[in-house]
C-alpha cells in the first residue's frame, strides 16, 4: 500500500517559462483569464497557492483586443481622484482609442488575481504588454501560444 504525498513547491524549485501571446482580435475576458491562470501557475500539476510558480507572459498587439456585444459603448471604467466628488468614468472604447490602450487588458488581468496581496503584485510584474508586434524579449526564447486557435470563441473578427 503506497501513500501519496502532496507536493509543495519552494521558491527555489520553481522553473519559470516565457510564453508569447498574440492578442490580435482576441476576446478580452477570455484572454485575461488565460493570462491570469498562467501568471499564477494554476496550469501546473505542482501548483502551490502561496508560491509564485507562474510563467512570464509577453502579450503583443495588446491594443487590438476585441469586446463582444456592445461593451465598447456600455462598459464603463471608474476611478476616483481623491477629491470630494472626484469620481471619474471612461468607456472601454475611449480607453482603446486613447493613449494607453493596453491598460484594458492589464486591468482585466489584475482584477482576476488575488486582491491586494504582495504575491499578486509580484505576479503582475511578470506580465509584459506591447501594442506592436515587436517586443524586446527574443533572448528569452518565449514559447508562442496561439490563443485564438485554442477555442473558436476566443476569436472575434468584427
N, C-alpha and C. Protein backbone atom coordinates (compact mmCIF):
# COMPACT_ATOMS: atom_id res chain seq x y z
N UNK A 1 0.85 -1.17 0.00
CA UNK A 1 0.00 0.00 0.00
C UNK A 1 0.90 1.24 0.00
N UNK A 2 0.73 2.05 -1.02
CA UNK A 2 1.54 3.26 -1.11
C UNK A 2 0.70 4.47 -0.70
N UNK A 3 1.35 5.40 -0.07
CA UNK A 3 0.66 6.63 0.31
C UNK A 3 1.15 7.76 -0.59
N UNK A 4 0.23 8.58 -0.97
CA UNK A 4 0.56 9.72 -1.81
C UNK A 4 0.79 10.93 -0.93
N UNK A 5 1.80 11.69 -1.26
CA UNK A 5 2.06 12.91 -0.51
C UNK A 5 1.83 14.11 -1.41
N UNK A 6 1.41 15.17 -0.81
CA UNK A 6 1.17 16.40 -1.55
C UNK A 6 2.50 17.11 -1.75
N UNK A 7 2.74 17.51 -2.99
CA UNK A 7 3.98 18.20 -3.30
C UNK A 7 3.76 19.69 -3.07
N UNK A 8 4.61 20.30 -2.26
CA UNK A 8 4.54 21.74 -2.03
C UNK A 8 5.84 22.35 -2.52
N UNK A 9 5.71 23.20 -3.53
CA UNK A 9 6.89 23.82 -4.12
C UNK A 9 7.53 24.82 -3.17
N UNK A 10 8.83 24.95 -3.30
CA UNK A 10 9.57 26.01 -2.63
C UNK A 10 9.99 27.01 -3.70
N UNK A 11 10.15 28.27 -3.37
CA UNK A 11 10.50 29.26 -4.40
C UNK A 11 11.77 28.90 -5.18
N UNK A 12 12.70 28.22 -4.58
CA UNK A 12 13.94 27.87 -5.27
C UNK A 12 13.73 26.75 -6.29
N UNK A 13 12.67 25.97 -6.14
CA UNK A 13 12.41 24.83 -7.03
C UNK A 13 11.64 25.20 -8.29
N UNK A 14 11.15 26.44 -8.38
CA UNK A 14 10.28 26.83 -9.48
C UNK A 14 11.11 27.15 -10.72
N UNK A 15 10.70 26.56 -11.85
CA UNK A 15 11.30 26.89 -13.14
C UNK A 15 10.26 27.66 -13.94
N UNK A 16 10.56 28.92 -14.21
CA UNK A 16 9.62 29.77 -14.94
C UNK A 16 9.93 29.73 -16.43
N UNK A 17 8.86 29.64 -17.23
CA UNK A 17 9.00 29.69 -18.69
C UNK A 17 8.53 31.06 -19.16
N UNK A 18 8.89 31.40 -20.38
CA UNK A 18 8.40 32.61 -21.03
C UNK A 18 7.43 32.18 -22.11
N UNK A 19 6.25 32.79 -22.15
CA UNK A 19 5.30 32.49 -23.21
C UNK A 19 4.92 33.80 -23.92
N UNK A 20 4.63 33.66 -25.21
CA UNK A 20 4.28 34.79 -26.06
C UNK A 20 2.87 34.57 -26.60
N UNK A 21 2.02 35.59 -26.45
CA UNK A 21 0.64 35.50 -26.91
C UNK A 21 0.35 36.70 -27.82
N UNK A 22 -0.23 36.43 -28.98
CA UNK A 22 -0.67 37.50 -29.87
C UNK A 22 -2.14 37.78 -29.57
N UNK A 23 -2.44 39.01 -29.15
CA UNK A 23 -3.79 39.37 -28.72
C UNK A 23 -4.65 39.93 -29.84
N UNK A 24 -4.18 39.89 -31.07
CA UNK A 24 -4.95 40.45 -32.18
C UNK A 24 -6.29 39.74 -32.32
N UNK A 25 -7.39 40.50 -32.24
CA UNK A 25 -8.78 40.02 -32.38
C UNK A 25 -9.19 39.02 -31.30
N UNK A 26 -8.47 38.96 -30.18
CA UNK A 26 -8.84 38.06 -29.09
C UNK A 26 -9.87 38.74 -28.19
N UNK A 27 -10.78 37.95 -27.62
CA UNK A 27 -11.80 38.47 -26.72
C UNK A 27 -11.14 38.77 -25.36
N UNK A 28 -11.37 39.96 -24.84
CA UNK A 28 -10.65 40.46 -23.67
C UNK A 28 -10.78 39.55 -22.45
N UNK A 29 -11.99 39.22 -22.05
CA UNK A 29 -12.19 38.44 -20.84
C UNK A 29 -11.58 37.05 -20.91
N UNK A 30 -11.72 36.39 -22.03
CA UNK A 30 -11.18 35.05 -22.20
C UNK A 30 -9.66 35.09 -22.18
N UNK A 31 -9.08 36.09 -22.84
CA UNK A 31 -7.63 36.23 -22.86
C UNK A 31 -7.10 36.57 -21.47
N UNK A 32 -7.79 37.45 -20.76
CA UNK A 32 -7.35 37.86 -19.43
C UNK A 32 -7.38 36.69 -18.45
N UNK A 33 -8.40 35.84 -18.54
CA UNK A 33 -8.46 34.69 -17.63
C UNK A 33 -7.36 33.68 -17.95
N UNK A 34 -7.04 33.52 -19.23
CA UNK A 34 -5.95 32.63 -19.63
C UNK A 34 -4.60 33.15 -19.11
N UNK A 35 -4.39 34.46 -19.24
CA UNK A 35 -3.13 35.07 -18.77
C UNK A 35 -3.03 34.98 -17.25
N UNK A 36 -4.13 35.27 -16.55
CA UNK A 36 -4.12 35.21 -15.09
C UNK A 36 -3.80 33.79 -14.60
N UNK A 37 -4.35 32.80 -15.27
CA UNK A 37 -4.06 31.41 -14.89
C UNK A 37 -2.58 31.10 -15.09
N UNK A 38 -1.99 31.58 -16.18
CA UNK A 38 -0.56 31.35 -16.45
C UNK A 38 0.32 32.10 -15.46
N UNK A 39 -0.06 33.34 -15.11
CA UNK A 39 0.73 34.12 -14.16
C UNK A 39 0.73 33.49 -12.77
N UNK A 40 -0.38 32.94 -12.36
CA UNK A 40 -0.48 32.30 -11.04
C UNK A 40 0.17 30.93 -11.02
N UNK A 41 0.21 30.25 -12.17
CA UNK A 41 0.79 28.92 -12.21
C UNK A 41 -0.22 27.81 -12.04
N UNK A 42 -1.50 28.13 -12.20
CA UNK A 42 -2.55 27.13 -11.99
C UNK A 42 -2.59 26.08 -13.09
N UNK A 43 -1.87 26.27 -14.16
CA UNK A 43 -1.81 25.28 -15.24
C UNK A 43 -0.83 24.16 -14.91
N UNK A 44 -0.05 24.32 -13.85
CA UNK A 44 0.98 23.33 -13.49
C UNK A 44 0.40 22.26 -12.56
N UNK A 45 0.88 21.03 -12.69
CA UNK A 45 0.41 19.99 -11.77
C UNK A 45 0.95 20.16 -10.35
N UNK A 46 2.04 20.91 -10.19
CA UNK A 46 2.62 21.13 -8.86
C UNK A 46 2.31 22.53 -8.33
N UNK A 47 1.15 23.08 -8.71
CA UNK A 47 0.74 24.42 -8.28
C UNK A 47 0.68 24.51 -6.77
N UNK A 48 1.26 25.56 -6.24
CA UNK A 48 1.24 25.83 -4.80
C UNK A 48 0.72 27.26 -4.62
N UNK A 49 -0.39 27.44 -3.89
CA UNK A 49 -1.04 28.76 -3.83
C UNK A 49 -0.18 29.88 -3.25
N UNK A 50 0.70 29.58 -2.30
CA UNK A 50 1.45 30.65 -1.63
C UNK A 50 2.82 30.90 -2.25
N UNK A 51 3.13 30.24 -3.39
CA UNK A 51 4.42 30.40 -4.05
C UNK A 51 4.18 30.96 -5.45
N UNK A 52 5.05 31.86 -5.87
CA UNK A 52 4.96 32.41 -7.22
C UNK A 52 5.54 31.38 -8.19
N UNK A 53 4.68 30.54 -8.74
CA UNK A 53 5.14 29.46 -9.62
C UNK A 53 4.63 29.64 -11.05
N UNK A 54 4.18 30.84 -11.39
CA UNK A 54 3.66 31.10 -12.73
C UNK A 54 4.75 31.42 -13.73
N UNK A 55 4.35 31.63 -14.97
CA UNK A 55 5.27 31.92 -16.05
C UNK A 55 5.34 33.43 -16.30
N UNK A 56 6.34 33.82 -17.09
CA UNK A 56 6.40 35.18 -17.61
C UNK A 56 5.55 35.20 -18.88
N UNK A 57 4.69 36.21 -19.01
CA UNK A 57 3.79 36.29 -20.16
C UNK A 57 4.07 37.58 -20.92
N UNK A 58 4.35 37.44 -22.22
CA UNK A 58 4.55 38.57 -23.11
C UNK A 58 3.37 38.61 -24.07
N UNK A 59 2.66 39.74 -24.11
CA UNK A 59 1.50 39.89 -24.98
C UNK A 59 1.81 40.96 -26.01
N UNK A 60 1.69 40.60 -27.28
CA UNK A 60 1.88 41.57 -28.36
C UNK A 60 0.52 41.93 -28.95
N UNK A 61 0.45 43.07 -29.59
CA UNK A 61 -0.80 43.60 -30.16
C UNK A 61 -1.89 43.75 -29.10
N UNK A 62 -1.52 44.22 -27.92
CA UNK A 62 -2.47 44.36 -26.82
C UNK A 62 -3.54 45.41 -27.10
N UNK A 63 -3.28 46.32 -28.02
CA UNK A 63 -4.27 47.34 -28.33
C UNK A 63 -5.30 46.88 -29.34
N UNK A 64 -5.15 45.67 -29.88
CA UNK A 64 -6.07 45.16 -30.91
C UNK A 64 -7.03 44.10 -30.36
N UNK A 65 -7.26 44.11 -29.05
CA UNK A 65 -8.21 43.17 -28.46
C UNK A 65 -9.63 43.59 -28.80
N UNK A 66 -10.56 42.67 -28.68
CA UNK A 66 -11.96 42.93 -29.04
C UNK A 66 -12.88 42.66 -27.85
N UNK A 67 -13.98 43.34 -27.85
CA UNK A 67 -15.05 43.09 -26.89
C UNK A 67 -16.21 42.45 -27.63
N UNK A 68 -17.01 41.68 -26.93
CA UNK A 68 -18.22 41.12 -27.52
C UNK A 68 -19.39 42.04 -27.20
N UNK A 69 -20.43 41.92 -27.97
CA UNK A 69 -21.64 42.70 -27.73
C UNK A 69 -21.40 44.18 -27.89
N UNK A 70 -22.02 44.97 -27.03
CA UNK A 70 -21.91 46.43 -27.10
C UNK A 70 -21.05 46.98 -25.97
N UNK A 71 -20.07 46.17 -25.51
CA UNK A 71 -19.25 46.58 -24.38
C UNK A 71 -18.39 47.80 -24.67
N UNK A 72 -18.06 48.04 -25.93
CA UNK A 72 -17.25 49.23 -26.25
C UNK A 72 -17.95 50.51 -25.81
N UNK A 73 -19.28 50.56 -25.94
CA UNK A 73 -20.02 51.75 -25.53
C UNK A 73 -20.57 51.63 -24.12
N UNK A 74 -20.90 50.41 -23.68
CA UNK A 74 -21.61 50.22 -22.42
C UNK A 74 -20.70 49.98 -21.22
N UNK A 75 -19.52 49.38 -21.42
CA UNK A 75 -18.64 49.06 -20.30
C UNK A 75 -17.93 50.33 -19.85
N UNK A 76 -18.06 50.64 -18.57
CA UNK A 76 -17.52 51.89 -18.03
C UNK A 76 -16.48 51.56 -16.95
N UNK A 77 -15.34 52.21 -17.04
CA UNK A 77 -14.29 52.09 -16.04
C UNK A 77 -14.34 53.33 -15.15
N UNK A 78 -14.37 53.13 -13.83
CA UNK A 78 -14.45 54.21 -12.87
C UNK A 78 -13.14 54.33 -12.11
N UNK A 79 -12.81 55.55 -11.68
CA UNK A 79 -11.71 55.77 -10.75
C UNK A 79 -12.02 57.04 -9.97
N UNK A 80 -11.34 57.22 -8.87
CA UNK A 80 -11.58 58.37 -8.01
C UNK A 80 -10.30 59.18 -7.88
N UNK A 81 -10.43 60.50 -7.97
CA UNK A 81 -9.27 61.37 -7.93
C UNK A 81 -8.73 61.58 -6.52
N UNK A 82 -9.55 61.31 -5.52
CA UNK A 82 -9.16 61.56 -4.15
C UNK A 82 -9.79 62.82 -3.59
N UNK A 83 -10.39 63.64 -4.44
CA UNK A 83 -11.07 64.85 -4.00
C UNK A 83 -12.56 64.57 -3.85
N UNK A 84 -13.23 65.42 -3.09
CA UNK A 84 -14.67 65.27 -2.90
C UNK A 84 -15.38 65.38 -4.24
N UNK A 85 -16.25 64.44 -4.53
CA UNK A 85 -16.97 64.43 -5.80
C UNK A 85 -16.08 64.11 -6.98
N UNK A 86 -14.97 63.45 -6.73
CA UNK A 86 -13.98 63.23 -7.78
C UNK A 86 -14.09 61.90 -8.49
N UNK A 87 -15.31 61.37 -8.62
CA UNK A 87 -15.47 60.11 -9.35
C UNK A 87 -15.40 60.41 -10.85
N UNK A 88 -14.60 59.65 -11.55
CA UNK A 88 -14.44 59.84 -13.00
C UNK A 88 -14.83 58.54 -13.69
N UNK A 89 -15.18 58.64 -14.95
CA UNK A 89 -15.55 57.45 -15.71
C UNK A 89 -15.11 57.59 -17.15
N UNK A 90 -14.86 56.45 -17.78
CA UNK A 90 -14.49 56.44 -19.19
C UNK A 90 -14.96 55.10 -19.76
N UNK A 91 -15.46 55.12 -20.99
CA UNK A 91 -15.92 53.87 -21.61
C UNK A 91 -14.72 53.09 -22.15
N UNK A 92 -14.94 51.81 -22.40
CA UNK A 92 -13.88 50.94 -22.91
C UNK A 92 -13.42 51.40 -24.29
N UNK A 93 -14.34 51.87 -25.11
CA UNK A 93 -13.99 52.35 -26.44
C UNK A 93 -13.06 53.55 -26.40
N UNK A 94 -13.30 54.47 -25.46
CA UNK A 94 -12.43 55.65 -25.34
C UNK A 94 -11.04 55.26 -24.85
N UNK A 95 -10.95 54.28 -23.99
CA UNK A 95 -9.64 53.84 -23.50
C UNK A 95 -8.86 53.17 -24.63
N UNK A 96 -9.55 52.34 -25.42
CA UNK A 96 -8.86 51.68 -26.54
C UNK A 96 -8.41 52.68 -27.59
N UNK A 97 -9.12 53.79 -27.75
CA UNK A 97 -8.72 54.82 -28.71
C UNK A 97 -7.76 55.83 -28.11
N UNK A 98 -7.51 55.73 -26.81
CA UNK A 98 -6.69 56.72 -26.11
C UNK A 98 -5.20 56.43 -26.16
N UNK A 99 -4.50 56.99 -25.19
CA UNK A 99 -3.04 56.94 -25.16
C UNK A 99 -2.48 55.60 -24.71
N UNK A 100 -3.16 54.92 -23.78
CA UNK A 100 -2.67 53.67 -23.21
C UNK A 100 -3.71 52.56 -23.36
N UNK A 101 -3.94 52.07 -24.58
CA UNK A 101 -4.99 51.05 -24.79
C UNK A 101 -4.65 49.71 -24.14
N UNK A 102 -3.39 49.45 -23.82
CA UNK A 102 -3.02 48.18 -23.20
C UNK A 102 -3.54 48.07 -21.77
N UNK A 103 -3.97 49.19 -21.20
CA UNK A 103 -4.47 49.16 -19.81
C UNK A 103 -5.78 48.39 -19.69
N UNK A 104 -6.52 48.25 -20.77
CA UNK A 104 -7.75 47.44 -20.75
C UNK A 104 -7.40 46.02 -20.34
N UNK A 105 -6.43 45.44 -21.01
CA UNK A 105 -6.02 44.07 -20.72
C UNK A 105 -5.30 43.98 -19.38
N UNK A 106 -4.51 44.98 -19.06
CA UNK A 106 -3.78 44.98 -17.79
C UNK A 106 -4.74 44.97 -16.60
N UNK A 107 -5.76 45.82 -16.65
CA UNK A 107 -6.74 45.88 -15.56
C UNK A 107 -7.57 44.61 -15.48
N UNK A 108 -7.90 44.03 -16.63
CA UNK A 108 -8.69 42.79 -16.63
C UNK A 108 -7.91 41.67 -15.95
N UNK A 109 -6.63 41.57 -16.25
CA UNK A 109 -5.79 40.53 -15.63
C UNK A 109 -5.60 40.82 -14.15
N UNK A 110 -5.32 42.07 -13.82
CA UNK A 110 -5.07 42.45 -12.43
C UNK A 110 -6.26 42.13 -11.54
N UNK A 111 -7.46 42.32 -12.08
CA UNK A 111 -8.67 42.08 -11.29
C UNK A 111 -9.02 40.60 -11.19
N UNK A 112 -8.31 39.74 -11.93
CA UNK A 112 -8.52 38.30 -11.82
C UNK A 112 -7.51 37.63 -10.88
N UNK A 113 -6.55 38.39 -10.39
CA UNK A 113 -5.57 37.88 -9.44
C UNK A 113 -6.06 38.14 -8.02
N UNK A 114 -5.45 37.50 -7.01
CA UNK A 114 -5.87 37.76 -5.62
C UNK A 114 -5.78 39.25 -5.29
N UNK A 115 -6.71 39.72 -4.50
CA UNK A 115 -6.81 41.15 -4.24
C UNK A 115 -5.76 41.63 -3.24
N UNK A 116 -5.08 42.71 -3.63
CA UNK A 116 -4.17 43.46 -2.77
C UNK A 116 -3.24 42.58 -1.94
N UNK A 117 -2.53 41.68 -2.58
CA UNK A 117 -1.58 40.86 -1.86
C UNK A 117 -0.19 41.05 -2.47
N UNK A 118 0.85 40.88 -1.68
CA UNK A 118 2.21 41.00 -2.22
C UNK A 118 2.48 39.99 -3.32
N UNK A 119 1.89 38.80 -3.21
CA UNK A 119 2.09 37.77 -4.23
C UNK A 119 1.47 38.21 -5.56
N UNK A 120 0.27 38.78 -5.52
CA UNK A 120 -0.39 39.23 -6.76
C UNK A 120 0.39 40.38 -7.40
N UNK A 121 0.94 41.28 -6.57
CA UNK A 121 1.74 42.38 -7.12
C UNK A 121 3.00 41.85 -7.80
N UNK A 122 3.64 40.84 -7.21
CA UNK A 122 4.82 40.25 -7.81
C UNK A 122 4.46 39.52 -9.10
N UNK A 123 3.33 38.85 -9.13
CA UNK A 123 2.91 38.13 -10.33
C UNK A 123 2.57 39.11 -11.46
N UNK A 124 2.03 40.27 -11.15
CA UNK A 124 1.73 41.27 -12.18
C UNK A 124 2.99 41.82 -12.83
N UNK A 125 4.13 41.79 -12.13
CA UNK A 125 5.37 42.27 -12.74
C UNK A 125 5.88 41.31 -13.80
N UNK A 126 5.32 40.09 -13.85
CA UNK A 126 5.73 39.11 -14.85
C UNK A 126 4.92 39.21 -16.14
N UNK A 127 4.02 40.19 -16.21
CA UNK A 127 3.21 40.42 -17.41
C UNK A 127 3.79 41.59 -18.18
N UNK A 128 4.08 41.37 -19.47
CA UNK A 128 4.61 42.42 -20.33
C UNK A 128 3.65 42.62 -21.49
N UNK A 129 3.15 43.84 -21.65
CA UNK A 129 2.17 44.16 -22.69
C UNK A 129 2.79 45.12 -23.69
N UNK A 130 2.62 44.82 -24.99
CA UNK A 130 3.14 45.68 -26.05
C UNK A 130 2.05 45.90 -27.10
N UNK A 131 1.97 47.13 -27.62
CA UNK A 131 0.94 47.48 -28.59
C UNK A 131 1.34 47.13 -30.02
N UNK A 132 2.56 46.75 -30.25
CA UNK A 132 3.00 46.39 -31.59
C UNK A 132 3.36 44.91 -31.62
N UNK A 133 3.78 44.44 -32.78
CA UNK A 133 4.15 43.03 -32.92
C UNK A 133 5.59 42.78 -32.48
N UNK A 134 6.33 43.84 -32.15
CA UNK A 134 7.72 43.67 -31.71
C UNK A 134 7.80 43.74 -30.20
N UNK A 135 8.76 42.99 -29.65
CA UNK A 135 9.00 43.01 -28.21
C UNK A 135 10.48 42.75 -27.96
N UNK A 136 11.02 43.23 -26.84
CA UNK A 136 12.45 43.08 -26.56
C UNK A 136 12.82 41.80 -25.82
N UNK A 137 12.00 40.77 -25.88
CA UNK A 137 12.25 39.56 -25.10
C UNK A 137 12.61 38.36 -25.97
N UNK A 138 13.19 38.60 -27.13
CA UNK A 138 13.59 37.49 -28.01
C UNK A 138 14.68 36.64 -27.37
N UNK A 139 15.53 37.22 -26.55
CA UNK A 139 16.64 36.49 -25.93
C UNK A 139 16.14 35.41 -24.97
N UNK A 140 14.93 35.56 -24.44
CA UNK A 140 14.38 34.57 -23.51
C UNK A 140 13.75 33.38 -24.24
N UNK A 141 13.71 33.41 -25.56
CA UNK A 141 13.10 32.35 -26.38
C UNK A 141 11.71 31.99 -25.88
N UNK A 142 10.76 32.92 -25.94
CA UNK A 142 9.42 32.61 -25.44
C UNK A 142 8.71 31.58 -26.32
N UNK A 143 7.97 30.71 -25.67
CA UNK A 143 7.15 29.72 -26.37
C UNK A 143 5.88 30.43 -26.85
N UNK A 144 5.59 30.33 -28.14
CA UNK A 144 4.42 31.01 -28.70
C UNK A 144 3.18 30.16 -28.51
N UNK A 145 2.15 30.77 -27.96
CA UNK A 145 0.85 30.11 -27.79
C UNK A 145 -0.15 30.84 -28.67
N UNK A 146 -0.77 30.12 -29.58
CA UNK A 146 -1.79 30.71 -30.46
C UNK A 146 -3.11 30.63 -29.71
N UNK A 147 -3.41 31.70 -28.97
CA UNK A 147 -4.58 31.71 -28.09
C UNK A 147 -5.88 31.59 -28.87
N UNK A 148 -5.98 32.26 -30.01
CA UNK A 148 -7.24 32.27 -30.77
C UNK A 148 -7.55 30.91 -31.37
N UNK A 149 -6.55 30.03 -31.50
CA UNK A 149 -6.79 28.71 -32.06
C UNK A 149 -7.21 27.70 -31.00
N UNK A 150 -7.13 28.04 -29.71
CA UNK A 150 -7.48 27.10 -28.65
C UNK A 150 -8.98 26.83 -28.61
N UNK A 151 -9.78 27.86 -28.93
CA UNK A 151 -11.23 27.73 -28.90
C UNK A 151 -11.80 28.73 -29.90
N UNK A 152 -12.85 28.36 -30.60
CA UNK A 152 -13.43 29.26 -31.59
C UNK A 152 -14.02 30.52 -30.96
N UNK A 153 -14.40 30.46 -29.69
CA UNK A 153 -14.96 31.63 -29.01
C UNK A 153 -13.91 32.65 -28.61
N UNK A 154 -12.62 32.29 -28.69
CA UNK A 154 -11.55 33.20 -28.32
C UNK A 154 -11.30 34.26 -29.38
N UNK A 155 -11.80 34.05 -30.58
CA UNK A 155 -11.54 34.95 -31.71
C UNK A 155 -12.78 35.77 -32.01
N UNK A 156 -12.60 37.06 -32.15
CA UNK A 156 -13.69 37.96 -32.50
C UNK A 156 -13.26 38.72 -33.73
N UNK A 157 -13.88 38.49 -34.87
CA UNK A 157 -13.41 39.10 -36.11
C UNK A 157 -14.03 40.47 -36.37
N UNK A 158 -15.24 40.72 -35.91
CA UNK A 158 -15.90 42.00 -36.22
C UNK A 158 -15.57 43.08 -35.24
